[in-house]
Amino acid sequence: MEKARPLWANPLQFVFACISYAVGLGNVWRFPYLCQMYGGGSFLVPYIIMLVVEGMPLLYLELAVGQRMRQGSIGAWRTISPYLGGVGLASVVVSFFLSTYYNIINAWAFWYLFHSFQDPLPWSVCPLNRNRTGYDEECEKASSTQYFWYRKTLNISPSIQDSGGVQWEQALCLLLAWLVVYLCILRGTESTGKLEQLANPKAWINAATQIFFSLGLGFGSLIAFASYNQPSTNCQKHAIIVSLINSSTSIFASVVTFSIYGFKATFNYESCLNQVILLLTNSFDLEDGFLTASNLEQVKGYLASAFPGKYSEVLPQIRNCSLESELATAVQGTGLSFIVYTEAIKNMAASQLWSVLYFFMLLMLGIGSMLGNTAAILTPLTDSKVISSHLPKEAISGLVCLVNCVIGLVFTMEAGNYWFDIFNDYAATLPLLLIVLVEIVAVCYVFGLRRFESDLKAMTGRTLNWYWKAMWAGVSPLLIISLFVFYLSDYILTGTLQYQAWDASQGQLVTKDYPLYALAIIGLLVASSTMCIPLVALGTFIVRCLKRGDTPPVA
């Protein structure tokens, strides 16, 4: 069986596959958002600490497990202990959820890429209203980039209760995204390539979850990739290389992002000032050029005292322009990729060129990550004798892609973006903490750290140094337990979970409570993966007892 298993042509292919999987959209939008939310540069302190004590050790652990066991996630953990098959199954379930919603980002990238060839860019100006007497009211209250995102791309509903219908343009883009992923899969293995915030526990847990998400820990993809390695491959070196490249990419992306933040804030601030100047100039018949940014506040004070009645009529239309408030505005998740960046692109020379290049880059990042996600699902399925004996790999891959695509149609509905946020926020975060914790305990205390160290030395000829042993045996699991307890207590104390809904009348996001059925689905998403671990262990125990002719004890 081991001889028949496909192998990477050379170690470089494996490294590129891991980098392609790890470096994704999370580096472009999630990491910069977290930096801004938790103190800017000070967020690098918990991030780097988590990289050292969690990221690199756990990446090395998963690569070593895959390379040693030569199987996908389910088979690898079942080999360590028959009771641990649920760990691999939980990883497959989480990867399935991730693949279901992640590819809609690639569909949006295709949508924007196709519209990037228009002149002018469709998100660069607001459309006219129905009477063609002015600009669309919703667009004027928001911005042209926000309007294109929320109205033209998502056609978003006002709440999660208003599901609406499937947007056929987005559905076609989603179908295209899955077709590209499937064609890449068919080519096989060889083609995959503020300092006070430091006291905030949320900064540390977000640093840890960012490491997990970005490196892909707990999903089973890295175990699947490493299972195609030669046994003598130096996976320790590869773990360090992938970790450092991934984190360097995140930091570089955040530098670029903050530059765009500054550009966007300055542009919006100056635009706001110009609108106020134009309003006051027209309302009070002032001479053109008399009002400037430097004397605006002084003239406003004079007009308020000299013409109080007229000024009070104009006052509701005068916007409060503040560069600080513009700089403090953060856009999370997909909004960063499809609003903030397009805001910068539309003001560049040769904007169509930069738009095409930018969204092509997003597609490359997204598809690379998707191939890793689907590999985590397909490898255990193709390793299964029961499934692979009845269906060829091409059919298994096609069915997985088809099922994901059909379920993904939910995210193309008018309320689809709200469901996207639910999957993005809850389908993986808590399960990943539990999965990774069980993985460490399984290797160190079930399989045995000394035994695992001996196997690694036999495979690679290298002795495991004290750093890896200390992280695996003590520091990493204790820290994950602390994060796990804080994560649960934080959500218990938070109370009712809320989401951001788009209010077309205000042209901005408003906070709403999730309905009961949405909370039930959130609970189901978390339970469907985490419960795999104890249920499979219990099932294995019962089956073994029955085979021995014993009766399992009843509590």
Protein backbone atom coordinates (compact mmCIF):
# COMPACT_ATOMS: atom_id res chain seq x y z
CA MET A 1 0.00 0.00 0.00
CA GLU A 2 2.83 2.39 0.87
CA LYS A 3 4.54 1.80 -2.47
CA ALA A 4 1.31 2.47 -4.34
CA ARG A 5 0.75 5.77 -2.55
CA PRO A 6 1.57 8.79 -4.78
CA LEU A 7 4.51 10.92 -3.68
CA TRP A 8 5.65 14.49 -4.22
CA ALA A 9 8.17 14.64 -7.05
CA ASN A 10 10.54 16.56 -4.75
CA PRO A 11 10.40 18.30 -1.31
CA LEU A 12 10.09 21.71 -2.97
CA GLN A 13 6.68 20.79 -4.38
CA PHE A 14 5.51 19.88 -0.89
CA VAL A 15 6.76 23.16 0.58
CA PHE A 16 5.07 25.18 -2.17
CA ALA A 17 1.81 23.27 -1.61
CA CYS A 18 1.92 24.06 2.12
CA ILE A 19 2.70 27.72 1.44
CA SER A 20 -0.08 27.93 -1.14
CA TYR A 21 -2.50 26.47 1.40
CA ALA A 22 -1.32 28.57 4.36
CA VAL A 23 -0.94 31.93 2.60
CA GLY A 24 -4.49 32.88 1.70
CA LEU A 25 -7.17 35.51 2.08
CA GLY A 26 -6.74 35.50 5.87
CA ASN A 27 -3.32 37.09 5.41
CA VAL A 28 -4.82 39.90 3.33
CA TRP A 29 -7.88 40.88 5.35
CA ARG A 30 -8.20 39.09 8.72
CA PHE A 31 -4.72 39.76 10.07
CA PRO A 32 -4.71 43.52 9.27
CA TYR A 33 -8.18 43.85 10.80
CA LEU A 34 -7.00 42.18 14.02
CA CYS A 35 -3.93 44.42 14.11
CA GLN A 36 -6.08 47.53 13.94
CA MET A 37 -8.61 46.21 16.44
CA TYR A 38 -6.04 45.21 19.06
CA GLY A 39 -3.57 48.04 19.21
CA GLY A 40 -1.83 48.13 15.84
CA GLY A 41 1.81 47.10 16.13
CA SER A 42 1.35 45.86 19.70
CA PHE A 43 -0.76 42.99 18.34
CA LEU A 44 2.47 41.59 16.91
CA VAL A 45 3.59 40.73 20.46
CA PRO A 46 0.90 38.10 21.17
CA TYR A 47 0.95 37.07 17.53
CA ILE A 48 4.69 36.28 17.52
CA ILE A 49 4.46 34.58 20.93
CA MET A 50 1.63 32.40 19.65
CA LEU A 51 3.63 31.66 16.51
CA VAL A 52 6.55 30.41 18.62
CA VAL A 53 4.62 28.42 21.24
CA GLU A 54 1.67 27.23 19.13
CA GLY A 55 2.13 27.80 15.39
CA MET A 56 5.49 26.24 14.60
CA PRO A 57 5.29 23.36 17.12
CA LEU A 58 1.81 22.31 16.02
CA LEU A 59 2.65 22.67 12.34
CA TYR A 60 5.66 20.41 12.84
CA LEU A 61 3.50 17.99 14.83
CA GLU A 62 0.88 17.64 12.08
CA LEU A 63 3.49 17.32 9.32
CA ALA A 64 5.35 14.68 11.33
CA VAL A 65 2.14 12.72 12.04
CA GLY A 66 1.15 12.71 8.37
CA GLN A 67 4.64 11.71 7.23
CA ARG A 68 4.93 8.98 9.88
CA MET A 69 1.45 7.45 9.49
CA ARG A 70 1.30 7.83 5.67
CA GLN A 71 -2.47 8.33 5.79
CA GLY A 72 -5.10 11.06 5.81
CA SER A 73 -6.39 12.58 9.03
CA ILE A 74 -8.88 9.81 9.91
CA GLY A 75 -6.48 6.93 9.26
CA ALA A 76 -3.54 8.69 10.91
CA TRP A 77 -5.27 9.26 14.25
CA ARG A 78 -6.92 5.82 14.16
CA THR A 79 -3.44 4.32 13.78
CA ILE A 80 -2.32 6.14 16.91
CA SER A 81 -5.37 4.81 18.76
CA PRO A 82 -8.61 3.25 17.49
CA TYR A 83 -10.46 5.56 19.89
CA LEU A 84 -9.08 8.66 18.16
CA GLY A 85 -10.71 8.17 14.76
CA GLY A 86 -13.13 10.92 15.73
CA VAL A 87 -10.30 13.48 15.70
CA GLY A 88 -9.73 12.91 12.00
CA LEU A 89 -13.47 12.84 11.36
CA ALA A 90 -13.88 16.16 13.20
CA SER A 91 -11.13 17.63 11.03
CA VAL A 92 -12.91 16.43 7.88
CA VAL A 93 -16.22 17.95 9.06
CA VAL A 94 -14.56 21.30 9.81
CA SER A 95 -12.79 21.23 6.44
CA PHE A 96 -16.11 20.45 4.76
CA PHE A 97 -17.76 23.45 6.41
CA LEU A 98 -14.80 25.64 5.49
CA SER A 99 -14.84 24.53 1.85
CA THR A 100 -18.59 25.10 1.66
CA TYR A 101 -18.39 28.80 2.49
CA TYR A 102 -14.79 29.65 1.55
CA ASN A 103 -15.26 29.18 -2.17
CA ILE A 104 -17.95 31.87 -2.28
CA ILE A 105 -15.09 34.34 -1.75
CA ASN A 106 -13.54 33.05 -4.96
CA ALA A 107 -16.94 33.48 -6.63
CA TRP A 108 -16.99 37.13 -5.51
CA ALA A 109 -13.43 37.54 -6.78
CA PHE A 110 -14.52 36.20 -10.18
CA TRP A 111 -17.46 38.65 -10.15
CA TYR A 112 -15.18 41.62 -9.48
CA LEU A 113 -12.58 40.37 -11.96
CA PHE A 114 -15.17 40.24 -14.75
CA HIS A 115 -16.32 43.78 -13.91
CA SER A 116 -12.72 45.05 -13.79
CA PHE A 117 -12.63 45.31 -17.59
CA GLN A 118 -15.28 48.07 -17.65
CA ASP A 119 -14.40 51.73 -18.11
CA PRO A 120 -15.09 53.38 -15.76
CA LEU A 121 -15.02 50.76 -13.04
CA PRO A 122 -18.64 50.11 -11.97
CA TRP A 123 -17.83 50.80 -8.30
CA SER A 124 -16.10 54.11 -9.01
CA VAL A 125 -19.28 56.23 -9.25
CA CYS A 126 -22.79 56.07 -7.84
CA PRO A 127 -25.59 55.23 -10.32
CA LEU A 128 -28.34 57.71 -11.09
CA ASN A 129 -31.70 57.38 -9.37
CA ARG A 130 -34.84 56.26 -11.19
CA ASN A 131 -35.81 59.83 -12.11
CA ARG A 132 -32.24 60.51 -13.32
CA THR A 133 -32.29 63.73 -11.30
CA GLY A 134 -29.42 62.79 -9.04
CA TYR A 135 -27.47 59.87 -7.59
CA ASP A 136 -29.05 56.86 -5.91
CA GLU A 137 -29.90 57.78 -2.32
CA GLU A 138 -28.51 54.59 -0.78
CA CYS A 139 -25.24 55.02 -2.65
CA GLU A 140 -24.91 58.67 -1.60
CA LYS A 141 -25.38 57.79 2.07
CA ALA A 142 -22.83 54.98 1.87
CA SER A 143 -20.21 55.20 -0.88
CA SER A 144 -19.89 53.92 -4.43
CA THR A 145 -17.70 50.97 -3.34
CA GLN A 146 -20.02 49.99 -0.48
CA TYR A 147 -23.04 50.32 -2.75
CA PHE A 148 -21.51 48.04 -5.39
CA TRP A 149 -20.62 45.48 -2.73
CA TYR A 150 -23.85 45.42 -0.73
CA ARG A 151 -26.36 46.18 -3.48
CA LYS A 152 -24.89 45.06 -6.83
CA THR A 153 -22.80 42.13 -5.66
CA LEU A 154 -24.73 40.76 -2.66
CA ASN A 155 -28.09 42.49 -3.21
CA ILE A 156 -28.21 42.04 0.54
CA SER A 157 -31.44 41.80 2.49
CA PRO A 158 -32.09 43.96 5.57
CA SER A 159 -31.90 40.99 7.95
CA ILE A 160 -31.12 37.29 8.12
CA GLN A 161 -34.86 36.54 8.36
CA ASP A 162 -35.40 37.93 4.84
CA SER A 163 -33.78 35.13 2.86
CA GLY A 164 -34.71 36.35 -0.62
CA GLY A 165 -33.90 34.35 -3.72
CA VAL A 166 -30.70 32.97 -5.22
CA GLN A 167 -28.74 35.57 -7.21
CA TRP A 168 -28.08 33.76 -10.47
CA GLU A 169 -24.97 35.81 -11.32
CA GLN A 170 -23.35 34.84 -8.02
CA ALA A 171 -24.50 31.25 -8.46
CA LEU A 172 -22.80 31.05 -11.86
CA CYS A 173 -19.60 32.52 -10.39
CA LEU A 174 -19.75 29.95 -7.59
CA LEU A 175 -20.17 27.15 -10.15
CA LEU A 176 -17.15 28.48 -12.04
CA ALA A 177 -15.09 28.62 -8.83
CA TRP A 178 -15.89 24.97 -8.03
CA LEU A 179 -15.18 23.94 -11.61
CA VAL A 180 -11.71 25.48 -11.37
CA VAL A 181 -11.07 23.69 -8.06
CA TYR A 182 -12.23 20.37 -9.52
CA LEU A 183 -10.02 20.71 -12.60
CA CYS A 184 -7.04 21.45 -10.37
CA ILE A 185 -7.83 18.41 -8.22
CA LEU A 186 -7.91 16.17 -11.30
CA ARG A 187 -4.29 17.05 -12.04
CA GLY A 188 -3.36 15.29 -8.82
CA THR A 189 -0.86 15.79 -6.05
CA GLU A 190 1.89 17.22 -8.22
CA SER A 191 -0.09 20.37 -9.16
CA THR A 192 -0.94 21.56 -5.63
CA GLY A 193 1.31 23.99 -4.63
CA LYS A 194 -1.62 50.41 21.36
CA LEU A 195 0.22 48.61 24.17
CA GLU A 196 -2.61 48.39 26.70
CA GLN A 197 -4.26 45.85 24.43
CA LEU A 198 -1.65 43.32 25.59
CA ALA A 199 -3.66 42.98 28.80
CA ASN A 200 -6.79 42.16 26.82
CA PRO A 201 -7.31 38.35 26.75
CA LYS A 202 -9.21 38.66 23.48
CA ALA A 203 -6.05 39.92 21.79
CA TRP A 204 -4.28 36.71 22.74
CA ILE A 205 -7.08 34.36 21.75
CA ASN A 206 -7.45 36.13 18.40
CA ALA A 207 -3.70 35.88 17.86
CA ALA A 208 -3.91 32.14 18.50
CA THR A 209 -6.94 31.57 16.28
CA GLN A 210 -5.31 33.63 13.54
CA ILE A 211 -2.29 31.31 13.73
CA PHE A 212 -4.58 28.25 13.56
CA PHE A 213 -6.60 29.60 10.64
CA SER A 214 -3.69 30.96 8.67
CA LEU A 215 -1.43 27.91 8.98
CA GLY A 216 -4.41 25.55 8.60
CA LEU A 217 -3.84 23.70 11.87
CA GLY A 218 -6.51 21.19 12.88
CA PHE A 219 -8.14 20.92 9.44
CA GLY A 220 -6.27 17.77 8.42
CA SER A 221 -4.90 19.33 5.23
CA LEU A 222 -1.31 19.42 6.45
CA ILE A 223 -1.50 15.78 7.56
CA ALA A 224 -2.83 14.91 4.11
CA PHE A 225 -0.03 16.83 2.37
CA ALA A 226 2.67 15.27 4.57
CA SER A 227 1.31 11.77 4.00
CA TYR A 228 2.64 11.99 0.41
CA ASN A 229 6.20 12.77 1.61
CA GLN A 230 9.14 10.45 1.51
CA PRO A 231 9.62 9.11 5.08
CA SER A 232 13.09 10.69 5.25
CA THR A 233 11.85 14.21 4.43
CA ASN A 234 13.01 16.89 6.91
CA CYS A 235 9.56 18.09 7.95
CA GLN A 236 11.03 20.10 10.85
CA LYS A 237 12.77 22.42 8.41
CA HIS A 238 9.63 22.67 6.30
CA ALA A 239 7.52 23.59 9.34
CA ILE A 240 9.83 26.49 10.17
CA ILE A 241 9.99 27.70 6.56
CA VAL A 242 6.21 27.62 6.04
CA SER A 243 5.55 29.33 9.40
CA LEU A 244 7.98 32.16 8.76
CA ILE A 245 6.86 32.76 5.16
CA ASN A 246 3.21 32.75 6.20
CA SER A 247 3.73 35.22 9.06
CA SER A 248 5.98 37.46 6.98
CA THR A 249 3.28 37.60 4.32
CA SER A 250 0.69 38.61 6.93
CA ILE A 251 2.89 41.40 8.26
CA PHE A 252 3.71 42.64 4.76
CA ALA A 253 0.01 42.58 3.82
CA SER A 254 -0.84 44.59 6.93
CA VAL A 255 1.71 47.26 6.01
CA VAL A 256 0.11 47.60 2.58
CA THR A 257 -3.36 47.57 4.11
CA PHE A 258 -2.59 50.34 6.59
CA SER A 259 -1.21 52.41 3.73
CA ILE A 260 -4.55 51.95 1.96
CA TYR A 261 -6.39 52.78 5.19
CA GLY A 262 -4.47 56.05 5.36
CA PHE A 263 -5.14 56.82 1.71
CA LYS A 264 -8.84 56.02 2.04
CA ALA A 265 -9.21 58.02 5.26
CA THR A 266 -7.47 61.07 3.81
CA PHE A 267 -9.47 60.89 0.59
CA ASN A 268 -12.79 60.56 2.45
CA TYR A 269 -11.86 63.36 4.84
CA GLU A 270 -10.97 65.75 2.03
CA SER A 271 -14.12 64.76 0.12
CA CYS A 272 -16.20 65.47 3.22
CA LEU A 273 -14.59 68.90 3.63
CA ASN A 274 -15.25 69.75 -0.02
CA GLN A 275 -18.91 68.83 0.33
CA VAL A 276 -19.29 71.05 3.41
CA ILE A 277 -17.48 73.92 1.68
CA LEU A 278 -19.71 73.59 -1.40
CA LEU A 279 -22.85 73.47 0.76
CA LEU A 280 -21.96 76.59 2.74
CA THR A 281 -20.76 78.45 -0.35
CA ASN A 282 -24.06 77.83 -2.17
CA SER A 283 -26.28 78.38 0.88
CA PHE A 284 -24.76 81.72 1.88
CA ASP A 285 -23.72 82.94 -1.60
CA LEU A 286 -20.06 83.10 -0.64
CA GLU A 287 -17.34 83.88 -3.15
CA ASP A 288 -15.80 80.81 -4.80
CA GLY A 289 -12.48 80.01 -3.19
CA PHE A 290 -13.24 82.04 -0.05
CA LEU A 291 -13.91 78.95 2.08
CA THR A 292 -10.94 76.61 2.55
CA ALA A 293 -10.11 73.72 4.83
CA SER A 294 -7.95 76.00 6.96
CA ASN A 295 -10.61 78.64 7.69
CA LEU A 296 -13.68 76.39 7.62
CA GLU A 297 -14.26 76.18 11.37
CA GLN A 298 -13.74 79.90 11.81
CA VAL A 299 -16.22 80.77 9.03
CA LYS A 300 -18.75 78.25 10.39
CA GLY A 301 -18.64 80.01 13.75
CA TYR A 302 -19.17 83.40 12.11
CA LEU A 303 -22.10 82.19 9.99
CA ALA A 304 -23.74 80.57 13.02
CA SER A 305 -23.62 83.86 14.97
CA ALA A 306 -24.40 86.21 12.06
CA PHE A 307 -27.18 84.16 10.44
CA PRO A 308 -28.51 81.85 13.20
CA GLY A 309 -31.85 81.10 11.51
CA LYS A 310 -30.44 80.19 8.14
CA TYR A 311 -27.51 78.32 9.66
CA SER A 312 -29.86 76.16 11.77
CA GLU A 313 -31.68 75.15 8.57
CA VAL A 314 -28.42 74.11 6.90
CA LEU A 315 -26.90 72.53 10.01
CA PRO A 316 -28.51 69.03 9.60
CA GLN A 317 -26.85 68.75 6.17
CA ILE A 318 -23.37 69.69 7.44
CA ARG A 319 -21.31 66.56 7.91
CA ASN A 320 -18.88 66.22 10.80
CA CYS A 321 -15.56 65.68 9.02
CA SER A 322 -12.88 64.00 11.14
CA LEU A 323 -9.68 62.38 9.94
CA GLU A 324 -9.36 60.53 13.26
CA SER A 325 -12.78 58.91 12.91
CA GLU A 326 -11.97 57.88 9.34
CA LEU A 327 -8.72 56.29 10.48
CA ALA A 328 -10.52 54.50 13.31
CA THR A 329 -13.02 52.89 10.94
CA ALA A 330 -12.22 49.20 10.39
CA VAL A 331 -13.74 46.89 7.82
CA GLN A 332 -13.64 43.21 8.77
CA GLY A 333 -13.42 40.13 6.61
CA THR A 334 -14.50 40.19 3.02
CA GLY A 335 -15.46 43.84 3.34
CA LEU A 336 -11.78 44.72 3.48
CA SER A 337 -10.98 42.92 0.24
CA PHE A 338 -14.02 44.14 -1.66
CA ILE A 339 -14.59 47.65 -0.26
CA VAL A 340 -11.40 49.20 1.09
CA TYR A 341 -9.11 47.93 -1.65
CA THR A 342 -11.54 48.85 -4.41
CA GLU A 343 -11.78 52.33 -2.87
CA ALA A 344 -8.05 52.71 -3.45
CA ILE A 345 -8.03 51.06 -6.88
CA LYS A 346 -10.73 53.33 -8.34
CA ASN A 347 -8.55 56.39 -7.67
CA MET A 348 -5.42 54.98 -9.29
CA ALA A 349 -4.21 55.63 -12.80
CA ALA A 350 -4.95 52.69 -15.10
CA SER A 351 -7.44 51.48 -12.50
CA GLN A 352 -8.71 48.65 -14.72
CA LEU A 353 -5.23 47.13 -14.89
CA TRP A 354 -4.70 47.25 -11.13
CA SER A 355 -8.19 45.89 -10.53
CA VAL A 356 -7.58 42.90 -12.81
CA LEU A 357 -4.21 42.19 -11.17
CA TYR A 358 -5.60 42.53 -7.65
CA PHE A 359 -8.59 40.23 -8.09
CA PHE A 360 -6.49 37.73 -10.05
CA MET A 361 -4.16 37.67 -7.03
CA LEU A 362 -7.15 37.07 -4.72
CA LEU A 363 -8.23 34.16 -6.91
CA MET A 364 -4.78 32.59 -6.75
CA LEU A 365 -4.72 32.91 -2.96
CA GLY A 366 -8.26 31.59 -2.60
CA ILE A 367 -7.90 28.65 -4.98
CA GLY A 368 -4.60 27.62 -3.37
CA SER A 369 -6.30 27.47 0.01
CA MET A 370 -9.32 25.67 -1.45
CA LEU A 371 -7.10 22.90 -2.84
CA GLY A 372 -5.73 22.34 0.66
CA ASN A 373 -9.21 22.32 2.16
CA THR A 374 -10.51 19.78 -0.34
CA ALA A 375 -7.40 17.63 0.08
CA ALA A 376 -8.28 17.32 3.78
CA ILE A 377 -11.67 15.88 2.74
CA LEU A 378 -10.60 13.77 -0.23
CA THR A 379 -7.51 12.08 1.22
CA PRO A 380 -9.38 10.17 3.98
CA LEU A 381 -12.11 9.24 1.49
CA THR A 382 -9.70 7.95 -1.16
CA ASP A 383 -7.69 6.12 1.53
CA SER A 384 -10.84 4.24 2.56
CA LYS A 385 -10.94 0.81 0.91
CA VAL A 386 -14.73 0.71 1.15
CA ILE A 387 -15.20 3.94 -0.82
CA SER A 388 -12.24 3.74 -3.22
CA SER A 389 -13.12 0.17 -4.25
CA HIS A 390 -16.50 1.33 -5.55
CA LEU A 391 -15.70 4.81 -6.90
CA PRO A 392 -12.64 6.16 -8.74
CA LYS A 393 -10.89 9.22 -7.33
CA GLU A 394 -12.34 11.44 -10.07
CA ALA A 395 -15.90 10.48 -9.09
CA ILE A 396 -15.22 11.00 -5.38
CA SER A 397 -13.73 14.43 -6.09
CA GLY A 398 -16.64 15.34 -8.34
CA LEU A 399 -19.24 14.34 -5.75
CA VAL A 400 -17.50 16.31 -2.98
CA CYS A 401 -17.28 19.42 -5.16
CA LEU A 402 -20.89 19.03 -6.30
CA VAL A 403 -22.26 18.67 -2.75
CA ASN A 404 -20.24 21.66 -1.57
CA CYS A 405 -21.41 23.72 -4.53
CA VAL A 406 -25.08 22.89 -3.95
CA ILE A 407 -24.87 23.77 -0.26
CA GLY A 408 -22.89 26.88 -1.14
CA LEU A 409 -25.88 28.23 -3.07
CA VAL A 410 -27.19 29.34 0.34
CA PHE A 411 -24.50 32.02 0.34
CA THR A 412 -25.68 33.39 -3.00
CA MET A 413 -29.10 34.29 -1.59
CA GLU A 414 -29.95 37.84 -0.51
CA ALA A 415 -29.32 36.85 3.11
CA GLY A 416 -26.34 34.71 2.09
CA ASN A 417 -23.72 37.06 3.49
CA TYR A 418 -25.23 36.74 6.97
CA TRP A 419 -24.97 32.95 6.75
CA PHE A 420 -21.42 33.36 5.45
CA ASP A 421 -20.56 35.28 8.63
CA ILE A 422 -22.10 32.54 10.77
CA PHE A 423 -19.99 29.84 9.12
CA ASN A 424 -16.90 32.03 9.20
CA ASP A 425 -17.29 32.92 12.89
CA TYR A 426 -18.52 29.67 14.42
CA ALA A 427 -17.97 26.64 12.18
CA ALA A 428 -14.27 26.29 12.95
CA THR A 429 -13.03 28.49 15.82
CA LEU A 430 -14.11 26.48 18.87
CA PRO A 431 -13.78 23.06 17.14
CA LEU A 432 -10.21 23.89 16.09
CA LEU A 433 -9.16 24.56 19.68
CA LEU A 434 -10.54 21.19 20.76
CA ILE A 435 -9.14 19.28 17.78
CA VAL A 436 -5.63 20.66 18.16
CA LEU A 437 -5.68 20.03 21.92
CA VAL A 438 -6.66 16.38 21.43
CA GLU A 439 -3.98 16.01 18.73
CA ILE A 440 -1.24 17.13 21.13
CA VAL A 441 -2.48 14.93 23.95
CA ALA A 442 -2.80 11.98 21.57
CA VAL A 443 0.78 12.23 20.32
CA CYS A 444 2.43 13.02 23.66
CA TYR A 445 0.39 10.92 26.09
CA VAL A 446 -1.40 8.24 24.07
CA PHE A 447 1.11 7.34 21.37
CA GLY A 448 3.91 8.45 23.67
CA LEU A 449 6.37 11.31 23.17
CA ARG A 450 9.42 9.07 23.50
CA ARG A 451 8.01 6.60 21.00
CA PHE A 452 7.14 9.40 18.58
CA GLU A 453 10.62 10.89 19.03
CA SER A 454 12.15 7.50 18.26
CA ASP A 455 10.05 7.13 15.11
CA LEU A 456 11.05 10.59 13.89
CA LYS A 457 14.73 9.80 14.43
CA ALA A 458 14.33 6.53 12.54
CA MET A 459 12.62 8.33 9.63
CA THR A 460 14.75 11.46 9.31
CA GLY A 461 17.94 10.56 11.17
CA ARG A 462 17.56 13.69 13.33
CA THR A 463 17.14 13.91 17.09
CA LEU A 464 14.19 15.91 18.41
CA ASN A 465 15.52 18.90 20.36
CA TRP A 466 14.25 20.21 23.71
CA TYR A 467 12.20 23.08 22.21
CA TRP A 468 9.76 20.85 20.35
CA LYS A 469 9.41 18.44 23.29
CA ALA A 470 8.76 21.26 25.78
CA MET A 471 6.15 22.88 23.55
CA TRP A 472 4.35 19.62 22.75
CA ALA A 473 4.39 18.13 26.25
CA GLY A 474 3.55 21.21 28.31
CA VAL A 475 3.40 24.77 27.03
CA SER A 476 1.17 24.34 23.96
CA PRO A 477 -1.58 22.19 25.55
CA LEU A 478 -1.76 24.31 28.71
CA LEU A 479 -2.09 27.48 26.66
CA ILE A 480 -4.80 25.95 24.46
CA ILE A 481 -6.75 24.86 27.56
CA SER A 482 -6.57 28.44 28.85
CA LEU A 483 -7.79 29.79 25.51
CA PHE A 484 -10.53 27.17 25.40
CA VAL A 485 -11.83 28.14 28.86
CA PHE A 486 -11.71 31.84 28.02
CA TYR A 487 -13.47 31.30 24.70
CA LEU A 488 -16.37 29.49 26.39
CA SER A 489 -16.66 31.96 29.28
CA ASP A 490 -16.52 34.93 26.90
CA TYR A 491 -19.47 33.68 24.85
CA ILE A 492 -21.43 32.76 27.97
CA LEU A 493 -20.93 36.25 29.44
CA THR A 494 -21.64 37.97 26.11
CA GLY A 495 -25.27 36.84 26.12
CA THR A 496 -27.28 36.96 22.91
CA LEU A 497 -25.11 36.68 19.82
CA GLN A 498 -25.41 39.56 17.36
CA TYR A 499 -24.58 40.29 13.72
CA GLN A 500 -24.10 43.29 11.45
CA ALA A 501 -27.01 43.88 9.04
CA TRP A 502 -27.05 46.35 6.14
CA ASP A 503 -29.55 49.20 6.52
CA ALA A 504 -30.21 50.62 3.04
CA SER A 505 -32.03 53.68 4.41
CA GLN A 506 -28.97 54.72 6.44
CA GLY A 507 -26.35 53.38 4.07
CA GLN A 508 -24.49 51.65 6.88
CA LEU A 509 -24.34 48.51 9.02
CA VAL A 510 -26.50 48.16 12.12
CA THR A 511 -26.32 45.61 14.94
CA LYS A 512 -29.13 43.05 15.31
CA ASP A 513 -29.71 39.97 17.44
CA TYR A 514 -29.62 36.55 15.80
CA PRO A 515 -33.04 34.84 15.67
CA LEU A 516 -33.50 31.60 17.59
CA TYR A 517 -33.19 29.35 14.52
CA ALA A 518 -29.86 31.00 13.62
CA LEU A 519 -28.60 30.34 17.16
CA ALA A 520 -29.70 26.71 16.81
CA ILE A 521 -27.73 26.37 13.56
CA ILE A 522 -24.68 27.94 15.23
CA GLY A 523 -24.92 25.33 17.98
CA LEU A 524 -25.33 22.57 15.39
CA LEU A 525 -22.26 23.76 13.46
CA VAL A 526 -20.12 23.63 16.59
CA ALA A 527 -21.54 20.34 17.88
CA SER A 528 -21.45 18.47 14.56
CA SER A 529 -17.65 18.52 14.51
CA THR A 530 -16.70 18.53 18.21
CA MET A 531 -19.07 15.68 19.09
CA CYS A 532 -17.35 13.44 16.55
CA ILE A 533 -14.46 12.94 18.98
CA PRO A 534 -16.37 11.52 21.98
CA LEU A 535 -19.02 9.73 19.90
CA VAL A 536 -16.49 7.82 17.77
CA ALA A 537 -14.53 6.90 20.89
CA LEU A 538 -17.70 5.66 22.58
CA GLY A 539 -18.76 3.75 19.46
CA THR A 540 -15.34 2.09 19.19
CA PHE A 541 -15.48 1.09 22.86
CA ILE A 542 -18.95 -0.47 22.47
CA VAL A 543 -17.97 -2.37 19.30
CA ARG A 544 -14.84 -3.76 20.98
CA CYS A 545 -16.85 -4.85 23.99
CA LEU A 546 -19.39 -6.59 21.76
CA LYS A 547 -16.65 -8.36 19.79
CA ARG A 548 -15.19 -9.68 23.03
CA GLY A 549 -18.64 -10.78 24.14
CA ASP A 550 -18.63 -8.36 27.04
CA THR A 551 -21.39 -6.01 28.04
CA PRO A 552 -20.34 -2.37 28.22
CA PRO A 553 -20.74 -0.94 31.71
CA VAL A 554 -23.74 1.28 32.29
CA ALA A 555 -23.15 4.47 34.26
